[in-house]
Amino acid sequence: MEVSLDQAKVQFDELIARVLAGERVVITREDRPVACIVPYVEPSPPSDTSPRLAGWGKDIITYISPDFDEPLEDFREYME
């Protein structure tokens, strides 16, 4: 379902009822989609049993500066 922003302001309670019934509501401004109202889903807690994928980020970091491990100048006084 698509509604304009002005319609959404007037019919907000009705739109929430439709969302709770499982419908997806897209809000438009000047005939362009700007927001979507969907039912809230409680996130599941992280599982410590989820498998770890070794090497999943191997191509993400392509360069590490040679002074990467050097203390920052801003913190030098705390390191002494």
PDB file of N, CA and C in Angstrom:
ATOM      1  N   MET A   1       0.843  -1.170   0.000  1.00  0.00           N
ATOM      2  CA  MET A   1       0.000   0.000   0.000  1.00  0.00           C
ATOM      3  C   MET A   1       0.892   1.238   0.000  1.00  0.00           C
ATOM      4  N   GLU A   2       0.544   2.230  -0.797  1.00  0.00           N
ATOM      5  CA  GLU A   2       1.266   3.502  -0.843  1.00  0.00           C
ATOM      6  C   GLU A   2       0.342   4.621  -0.412  1.00  0.00           C
ATOM      7  N   VAL A   3       0.851   5.507   0.429  1.00  0.00           N
ATOM      8  CA  VAL A   3       0.097   6.691   0.833  1.00  0.00           C
ATOM      9  C   VAL A   3       1.036   7.885   0.826  1.00  0.00           C
ATOM     10  N   SER A   4       0.446   9.051   0.579  1.00  0.00           N
ATOM     11  CA  SER A   4       1.259  10.271   0.618  1.00  0.00           C
ATOM     12  C   SER A   4       1.553  10.630   2.062  1.00  0.00           C
ATOM     13  N   LEU A   5       2.541  11.461   2.266  1.00  0.00           N
ATOM     14  CA  LEU A   5       2.908  11.894   3.605  1.00  0.00           C
ATOM     15  C   LEU A   5       1.730  12.594   4.280  1.00  0.00           C
ATOM     16  N   ASP A   6       1.006  13.416   3.527  1.00  0.00           N
ATOM     17  CA  ASP A   6      -0.155  14.111   4.096  1.00  0.00           C
ATOM     18  C   ASP A   6      -1.225  13.116   4.527  1.00  0.00           C
ATOM     19  N   GLN A   7      -1.483  12.094   3.713  1.00  0.00           N
ATOM     20  CA  GLN A   7      -2.459  11.064   4.087  1.00  0.00           C
ATOM     21  C   GLN A   7      -1.990  10.305   5.321  1.00  0.00           C
ATOM     22  N   ALA A   8      -0.704  10.008   5.383  1.00  0.00           N
ATOM     23  CA  ALA A   8      -0.156   9.247   6.509  1.00  0.00           C
ATOM     24  C   ALA A   8      -0.338  10.006   7.817  1.00  0.00           C
ATOM     25  N   LYS A   9      -0.178  11.317   7.775  1.00  0.00           N
ATOM     26  CA  LYS A   9      -0.358  12.120   8.989  1.00  0.00           C
ATOM     27  C   LYS A   9      -1.785  12.008   9.509  1.00  0.00           C
ATOM     28  N   VAL A  10      -2.753  12.004   8.599  1.00  0.00           N
ATOM     29  CA  VAL A  10      -4.161  11.959   8.982  1.00  0.00           C
ATOM     30  C   VAL A  10      -4.582  10.543   9.388  1.00  0.00           C
ATOM     31  N   GLN A  11      -4.073   9.515   8.706  1.00  0.00           N
ATOM     32  CA  GLN A  11      -4.527   8.139   8.895  1.00  0.00           C
ATOM     33  C   GLN A  11      -3.525   7.263   9.643  1.00  0.00           C
ATOM     34  N   PHE A  12      -2.690   7.844  10.467  1.00  0.00           N
ATOM     35  CA  PHE A  12      -1.600   7.079  11.074  1.00  0.00           C
ATOM     36  C   PHE A  12      -2.095   5.863  11.853  1.00  0.00           C
ATOM     37  N   ASP A  13      -3.132   6.035  12.672  1.00  0.00           N
ATOM     38  CA  ASP A  13      -3.655   4.899  13.447  1.00  0.00           C
ATOM     39  C   ASP A  13      -4.112   3.771  12.529  1.00  0.00           C
ATOM     40  N   GLU A  14      -4.787   4.113  11.456  1.00  0.00           N
ATOM     41  CA  GLU A  14      -5.263   3.097  10.500  1.00  0.00           C
ATOM     42  C   GLU A  14      -4.077   2.404   9.824  1.00  0.00           C
ATOM     43  N   LEU A  15      -3.056   3.167   9.482  1.00  0.00           N
ATOM     44  CA  LEU A  15      -1.882   2.579   8.842  1.00  0.00           C
ATOM     45  C   LEU A  15      -1.175   1.603   9.777  1.00  0.00           C
ATOM     46  N   ILE A  16      -1.071   1.967  11.048  1.00  0.00           N
ATOM     47  CA  ILE A  16      -0.450   1.066  12.019  1.00  0.00           C
ATOM     48  C   ILE A  16      -1.267  -0.217  12.133  1.00  0.00           C
ATOM     49  N   ALA A  17      -2.566  -0.116  12.138  1.00  0.00           N
ATOM     50  CA  ALA A  17      -3.417  -1.308  12.199  1.00  0.00           C
ATOM     51  C   ALA A  17      -3.174  -2.204  10.990  1.00  0.00           C
ATOM     52  N   ARG A  18      -3.017  -1.609   9.831  1.00  0.00           N
ATOM     53  CA  ARG A  18      -2.765  -2.403   8.614  1.00  0.00           C
ATOM     54  C   ARG A  18      -1.398  -3.079   8.686  1.00  0.00           C
ATOM     55  N   VAL A  19      -0.410  -2.353   9.212  1.00  0.00           N
ATOM     56  CA  VAL A  19       0.935  -2.926   9.358  1.00  0.00           C
ATOM     57  C   VAL A  19       0.897  -4.108  10.319  1.00  0.00           C
ATOM     58  N   LEU A  20       0.173  -3.947  11.426  1.00  0.00           N
ATOM     59  CA  LEU A  20       0.056  -5.045  12.391  1.00  0.00           C
ATOM     60  C   LEU A  20      -0.661  -6.255  11.800  1.00  0.00           C
ATOM     61  N   ALA A  21      -1.475  -6.015  10.775  1.00  0.00           N
ATOM     62  CA  ALA A  21      -2.164  -7.107  10.093  1.00  0.00           C
ATOM     63  C   ALA A  21      -1.284  -7.754   9.031  1.00  0.00           C
ATOM     64  N   GLY A  22      -0.049  -7.225   8.886  1.00  0.00           N
ATOM     65  CA  GLY A  22       0.892  -7.845   7.959  1.00  0.00           C
ATOM     66  C   GLY A  22       1.135  -7.081   6.679  1.00  0.00           C
ATOM     67  N   GLU A  23       0.490  -5.952   6.522  1.00  0.00           N
ATOM     68  CA  GLU A  23       0.656  -5.172   5.295  1.00  0.00           C
ATOM     69  C   GLU A  23       1.866  -4.253   5.403  1.00  0.00           C
ATOM     70  N   ARG A  24       2.482  -3.989   4.283  1.00  0.00           N
ATOM     71  CA  ARG A  24       3.626  -3.071   4.198  1.00  0.00           C
ATOM     72  C   ARG A  24       3.109  -1.744   3.669  1.00  0.00           C
ATOM     73  N   VAL A  25       3.453  -0.637   4.339  1.00  0.00           N
ATOM     74  CA  VAL A  25       2.967   0.679   3.932  1.00  0.00           C
ATOM     75  C   VAL A  25       4.150   1.534   3.499  1.00  0.00           C
ATOM     76  N   VAL A  26       4.083   2.029   2.272  1.00  0.00           N
ATOM     77  CA  VAL A  26       5.123   2.910   1.732  1.00  0.00           C
ATOM     78  C   VAL A  26       4.589   4.334   1.758  1.00  0.00           C
ATOM     79  N   ILE A  27       5.367   5.232   2.334  1.00  0.00           N
ATOM     80  CA  ILE A  27       4.977   6.640   2.408  1.00  0.00           C
ATOM     81  C   ILE A  27       5.729   7.400   1.321  1.00  0.00           C
ATOM     82  N   THR A  28       4.980   8.228   0.584  1.00  0.00           N
ATOM     83  CA  THR A  28       5.573   8.950  -0.536  1.00  0.00           C
ATOM     84  C   THR A  28       5.498  10.457  -0.293  1.00  0.00           C
ATOM     85  N   ARG A  29       6.423  11.153  -0.920  1.00  0.00           N
ATOM     86  CA  ARG A  29       6.406  12.613  -0.958  1.00  0.00           C
ATOM     87  C   ARG A  29       6.649  12.986  -2.409  1.00  0.00           C
ATOM     88  N   GLU A  30       5.741  13.770  -2.953  1.00  0.00           N
ATOM     89  CA  GLU A  30       5.815  14.163  -4.361  1.00  0.00           C
ATOM     90  C   GLU A  30       5.941  12.926  -5.255  1.00  0.00           C
ATOM     91  N   ASP A  31       5.144  11.916  -4.950  1.00  0.00           N
ATOM     92  CA  ASP A  31       5.068  10.654  -5.715  1.00  0.00           C
ATOM     93  C   ASP A  31       6.358   9.839  -5.704  1.00  0.00           C
ATOM     94  N   ARG A  32       7.251  10.109  -4.759  1.00  0.00           N
ATOM     95  CA  ARG A  32       8.484   9.327  -4.631  1.00  0.00           C
ATOM     96  C   ARG A  32       8.501   8.665  -3.260  1.00  0.00           C
ATOM     97  N   PRO A  33       8.808   7.371  -3.191  1.00  0.00           N
ATOM     98  CA  PRO A  33       8.870   6.689  -1.896  1.00  0.00           C
ATOM     99  C   PRO A  33       9.955   7.296  -1.007  1.00  0.00           C
ATOM    100  N   VAL A  34       9.596   7.577   0.255  1.00  0.00           N
ATOM    101  CA  VAL A  34      10.566   8.143   1.194  1.00  0.00           C
ATOM    102  C   VAL A  34      10.684   7.325   2.476  1.00  0.00           C
ATOM    103  N   ALA A  35       9.692   6.478   2.761  1.00  0.00           N
ATOM    104  CA  ALA A  35       9.743   5.680   3.992  1.00  0.00           C
ATOM    105  C   ALA A  35       8.850   4.458   3.828  1.00  0.00           C
ATOM    106  N   CYS A  36       9.100   3.490   4.692  1.00  0.00           N
ATOM    107  CA  CYS A  36       8.317   2.268   4.676  1.00  0.00           C
ATOM    108  C   CYS A  36       8.010   1.885   6.120  1.00  0.00           C
ATOM    109  N   ILE A  37       6.761   1.557   6.385  1.00  0.00           N
ATOM    110  CA  ILE A  37       6.378   1.106   7.718  1.00  0.00           C
ATOM    111  C   ILE A  37       6.168  -0.400   7.644  1.00  0.00           C
ATOM    112  N   VAL A  38       6.876  -1.118   8.479  1.00  0.00           N
ATOM    113  CA  VAL A  38       6.782  -2.579   8.537  1.00  0.00           C
ATOM    114  C   VAL A  38       6.632  -2.993   9.996  1.00  0.00           C
ATOM    115  N   PRO A  39       6.106  -4.185  10.252  1.00  0.00           N
ATOM    116  CA  PRO A  39       5.985  -4.621  11.652  1.00  0.00           C
ATOM    117  C   PRO A  39       7.349  -4.751  12.310  1.00  0.00           C
ATOM    118  N   TYR A  40       7.403  -4.430  13.588  1.00  0.00           N
ATOM    119  CA  TYR A  40       8.630  -4.570  14.361  1.00  0.00           C
ATOM    120  C   TYR A  40       8.845  -6.042  14.675  1.00  0.00           C
ATOM    121  N   VAL A  41      10.068  -6.493  14.473  1.00  0.00           N
ATOM    122  CA  VAL A  41      10.434  -7.866  14.799  1.00  0.00           C
ATOM    123  C   VAL A  41      11.538  -7.807  15.841  1.00  0.00           C
ATOM    124  N   GLU A  42      11.293  -8.433  16.977  1.00  0.00           N
ATOM    125  CA  GLU A  42      12.287  -8.456  18.051  1.00  0.00           C
ATOM    126  C   GLU A  42      13.523  -9.194  17.555  1.00  0.00           C
ATOM    127  N   PRO A  43      14.700  -8.551  17.591  1.00  0.00           N
ATOM    128  CA  PRO A  43      15.905  -9.238  17.123  1.00  0.00           C
ATOM    129  C   PRO A  43      16.248 -10.401  18.053  1.00  0.00           C
ATOM    130  N   SER A  44      16.710 -11.462  17.464  1.00  0.00           N
ATOM    131  CA  SER A  44      17.103 -12.603  18.285  1.00  0.00           C
ATOM    132  C   SER A  44      18.484 -12.326  18.879  1.00  0.00           C
ATOM    133  N   PRO A  45      18.724 -12.808  20.084  1.00  0.00           N
ATOM    134  CA  PRO A  45      20.032 -12.572  20.700  1.00  0.00           C
ATOM    135  C   PRO A  45      21.123 -13.283  19.905  1.00  0.00           C
ATOM    136  N   PRO A  46      22.321 -12.717  19.901  1.00  0.00           N
ATOM    137  CA  PRO A  46      23.406 -13.366  19.165  1.00  0.00           C
ATOM    138  C   PRO A  46      23.692 -14.747  19.743  1.00  0.00           C
ATOM    139  N   SER A  47      24.005 -15.635  18.868  1.00  0.00           N
ATOM    140  CA  SER A  47      24.277 -17.003  19.289  1.00  0.00           C
ATOM    141  C   SER A  47      25.777 -17.244  19.308  1.00  0.00           C
ATOM    142  N   ASP A  48      26.276 -17.734  20.444  1.00  0.00           N
ATOM    143  CA  ASP A  48      27.695 -18.060  20.535  1.00  0.00           C
ATOM    144  C   ASP A  48      28.023 -19.332  19.786  1.00  0.00           C
ATOM    145  N   THR A  49      26.987 -20.024  19.334  1.00  0.00           N
ATOM    146  CA  THR A  49      27.222 -21.278  18.616  1.00  0.00           C
ATOM    147  C   THR A  49      27.248 -21.075  17.108  1.00  0.00           C
ATOM    148  N   SER A  50      27.062 -19.822  16.647  1.00  0.00           N
ATOM    149  CA  SER A  50      27.078 -19.600  15.204  1.00  0.00           C
ATOM    150  C   SER A  50      28.485 -19.860  14.662  1.00  0.00           C
ATOM    151  N   PRO A  51      28.562 -20.486  13.514  1.00  0.00           N
ATOM    152  CA  PRO A  51      29.885 -20.816  12.966  1.00  0.00           C
ATOM    153  C   PRO A  51      30.642 -19.558  12.531  1.00  0.00           C
ATOM    154  N   ARG A  52      31.915 -19.553  12.762  1.00  0.00           N
ATOM    155  CA  ARG A  52      32.777 -18.457  12.330  1.00  0.00           C
ATOM    156  C   ARG A  52      33.324 -18.812  10.943  1.00  0.00           C
ATOM    157  N   LEU A  53      33.349 -17.838  10.093  1.00  0.00           N
ATOM    158  CA  LEU A  53      33.840 -18.059   8.740  1.00  0.00           C
ATOM    159  C   LEU A  53      35.233 -17.450   8.619  1.00  0.00           C
ATOM    160  N   ALA A  54      36.238 -18.276   8.668  1.00  0.00           N
ATOM    161  CA  ALA A  54      37.608 -17.802   8.573  1.00  0.00           C
ATOM    162  C   ALA A  54      37.874 -17.219   7.191  1.00  0.00           C
ATOM    163  N   GLY A  55      38.508 -16.065   7.176  1.00  0.00           N
ATOM    164  CA  GLY A  55      38.912 -15.467   5.915  1.00  0.00           C
ATOM    165  C   GLY A  55      37.836 -14.677   5.200  1.00  0.00           C
ATOM    166  N   TRP A  56      36.698 -14.412   5.844  1.00  0.00           N
ATOM    167  CA  TRP A  56      35.605 -13.732   5.149  1.00  0.00           C
ATOM    168  C   TRP A  56      35.976 -12.311   4.737  1.00  0.00           C
ATOM    169  N   GLY A  57      36.926 -11.688   5.410  1.00  0.00           N
ATOM    170  CA  GLY A  57      37.276 -10.310   5.084  1.00  0.00           C
ATOM    171  C   GLY A  57      38.641 -10.146   4.453  1.00  0.00           C
ATOM    172  N   LYS A  58      39.188 -11.217   3.900  1.00  0.00           N
ATOM    173  CA  LYS A  58      40.571 -11.163   3.424  1.00  0.00           C
ATOM    174  C   LYS A  58      40.818 -10.129   2.333  1.00  0.00           C
ATOM    175  N   ASP A  59      39.821  -9.779   1.531  1.00  0.00           N
ATOM    176  CA  ASP A  59      40.031  -8.811   0.458  1.00  0.00           C
ATOM    177  C   ASP A  59      39.541  -7.417   0.815  1.00  0.00           C
ATOM    178  N   ILE A  60      39.049  -7.235   2.031  1.00  0.00           N
ATOM    179  CA  ILE A  60      38.529  -5.931   2.428  1.00  0.00           C
ATOM    180  C   ILE A  60      39.653  -4.976   2.787  1.00  0.00           C
ATOM    181  N   ILE A  61      40.602  -5.428   3.605  1.00  0.00           N
ATOM    182  CA  ILE A  61      41.730  -4.587   3.993  1.00  0.00           C
ATOM    183  C   ILE A  61      42.863  -4.865   3.025  1.00  0.00           C
ATOM    184  N   THR A  62      43.200  -3.855   2.238  1.00  0.00           N
ATOM    185  CA  THR A  62      44.224  -4.061   1.214  1.00  0.00           C
ATOM    186  C   THR A  62      45.541  -3.381   1.562  1.00  0.00           C
ATOM    187  N   TYR A  63      45.533  -2.490   2.586  1.00  0.00           N
ATOM    188  CA  TYR A  63      46.761  -1.788   2.948  1.00  0.00           C
ATOM    189  C   TYR A  63      46.734  -1.465   4.433  1.00  0.00           C
ATOM    190  N   ILE A  64      47.823  -1.707   5.119  1.00  0.00           N
ATOM    191  CA  ILE A  64      47.991  -1.315   6.510  1.00  0.00           C
ATOM    192  C   ILE A  64      49.277  -0.512   6.600  1.00  0.00           C
ATOM    193  N   SER A  65      49.162   0.686   7.140  1.00  0.00           N
ATOM    194  CA  SER A  65      50.306   1.589   7.260  1.00  0.00           C
ATOM    195  C   SER A  65      51.403   0.953   8.115  1.00  0.00           C
ATOM    196  N   PRO A  66      52.673   1.169   7.775  1.00  0.00           N
ATOM    197  CA  PRO A  66      53.765   0.601   8.567  1.00  0.00           C
ATOM    198  C   PRO A  66      53.753   1.055  10.030  1.00  0.00           C
ATOM    199  N   ASP A  67      53.202   2.260  10.306  1.00  0.00           N
ATOM    200  CA  ASP A  67      53.165   2.746  11.687  1.00  0.00           C
ATOM    201  C   ASP A  67      51.814   2.470  12.364  1.00  0.00           C
ATOM    202  N   PHE A  68      51.101   1.486  11.879  1.00  0.00           N
ATOM    203  CA  PHE A  68      49.772   1.147  12.405  1.00  0.00           C
ATOM    204  C   PHE A  68      49.778   0.919  13.912  1.00  0.00           C
ATOM    205  N   ASP A  69      50.788   0.235  14.430  1.00  0.00           N
ATOM    206  CA  ASP A  69      50.852  -0.108  15.848  1.00  0.00           C
ATOM    207  C   ASP A  69      51.525   0.961  16.715  1.00  0.00           C
ATOM    208  N   GLU A  70      51.985   2.025  16.121  1.00  0.00           N
ATOM    209  CA  GLU A  70      52.649   3.081  16.883  1.00  0.00           C
ATOM    210  C   GLU A  70      51.620   3.845  17.716  1.00  0.00           C
ATOM    211  N   PRO A  71      52.018   4.293  18.925  1.00  0.00           N
ATOM    212  CA  PRO A  71      51.091   5.085  19.754  1.00  0.00           C
ATOM    213  C   PRO A  71      50.741   6.402  19.064  1.00  0.00           C
ATOM    214  N   LEU A  72      49.531   6.853  19.262  1.00  0.00           N
ATOM    215  CA  LEU A  72      49.104   8.129  18.699  1.00  0.00           C
ATOM    216  C   LEU A  72      49.712   9.264  19.504  1.00  0.00           C
ATOM    217  N   GLU A  73      50.045  10.355  18.836  1.00  0.00           N
ATOM    218  CA  GLU A  73      50.645  11.499  19.503  1.00  0.00           C
ATOM    219  C   GLU A  73      49.724  12.034  20.602  1.00  0.00           C
ATOM    220  N   ASP A  74      48.422  12.018  20.365  1.00  0.00           N
ATOM    221  CA  ASP A  74      47.478  12.539  21.347  1.00  0.00           C
ATOM    222  C   ASP A  74      47.513  11.766  22.663  1.00  0.00           C
ATOM    223  N   PHE A  75      47.964  10.510  22.635  1.00  0.00           N
ATOM    224  CA  PHE A  75      47.960   9.670  23.820  1.00  0.00           C
ATOM    225  C   PHE A  75      49.360   9.423  24.378  1.00  0.00           C
ATOM    226  N   ARG A  76      50.369  10.043  23.803  1.00  0.00           N
ATOM    227  CA  ARG A  76      51.756   9.795  24.212  1.00  0.00           C
ATOM    228  C   ARG A  76      51.964  10.062  25.706  1.00  0.00           C
ATOM    229  N   GLU A  77      51.337  11.127  26.234  1.00  0.00           N
ATOM    230  CA  GLU A  77      51.516  11.449  27.655  1.00  0.00           C
ATOM    231  C   GLU A  77      50.952  10.350  28.563  1.00  0.00           C
ATOM    232  N   TYR A  78      49.966   9.619  28.122  1.00  0.00           N
ATOM    233  CA  TYR A  78      49.391   8.528  28.915  1.00  0.00           C
ATOM    234  C   TYR A  78      50.219   7.261  28.837  1.00  0.00           C
ATOM    235  N   MET A  79      51.073   7.171  27.849  1.00  0.00           N
ATOM    236  CA  MET A  79      51.872   5.967  27.636  1.00  0.00           C
ATOM    237  C   MET A  79      53.182   6.013  28.406  1.00  0.00           C
ATOM    238  N   GLU A  80      53.529   7.162  28.953  1.00  0.00           N
ATOM    239  CA  GLU A  80      54.813   7.314  29.656  1.00  0.00           C
ATOM    240  C   GLU A  80      54.722   6.898  31.083  1.00  0.00           C
TER     241      GLU A  80
END
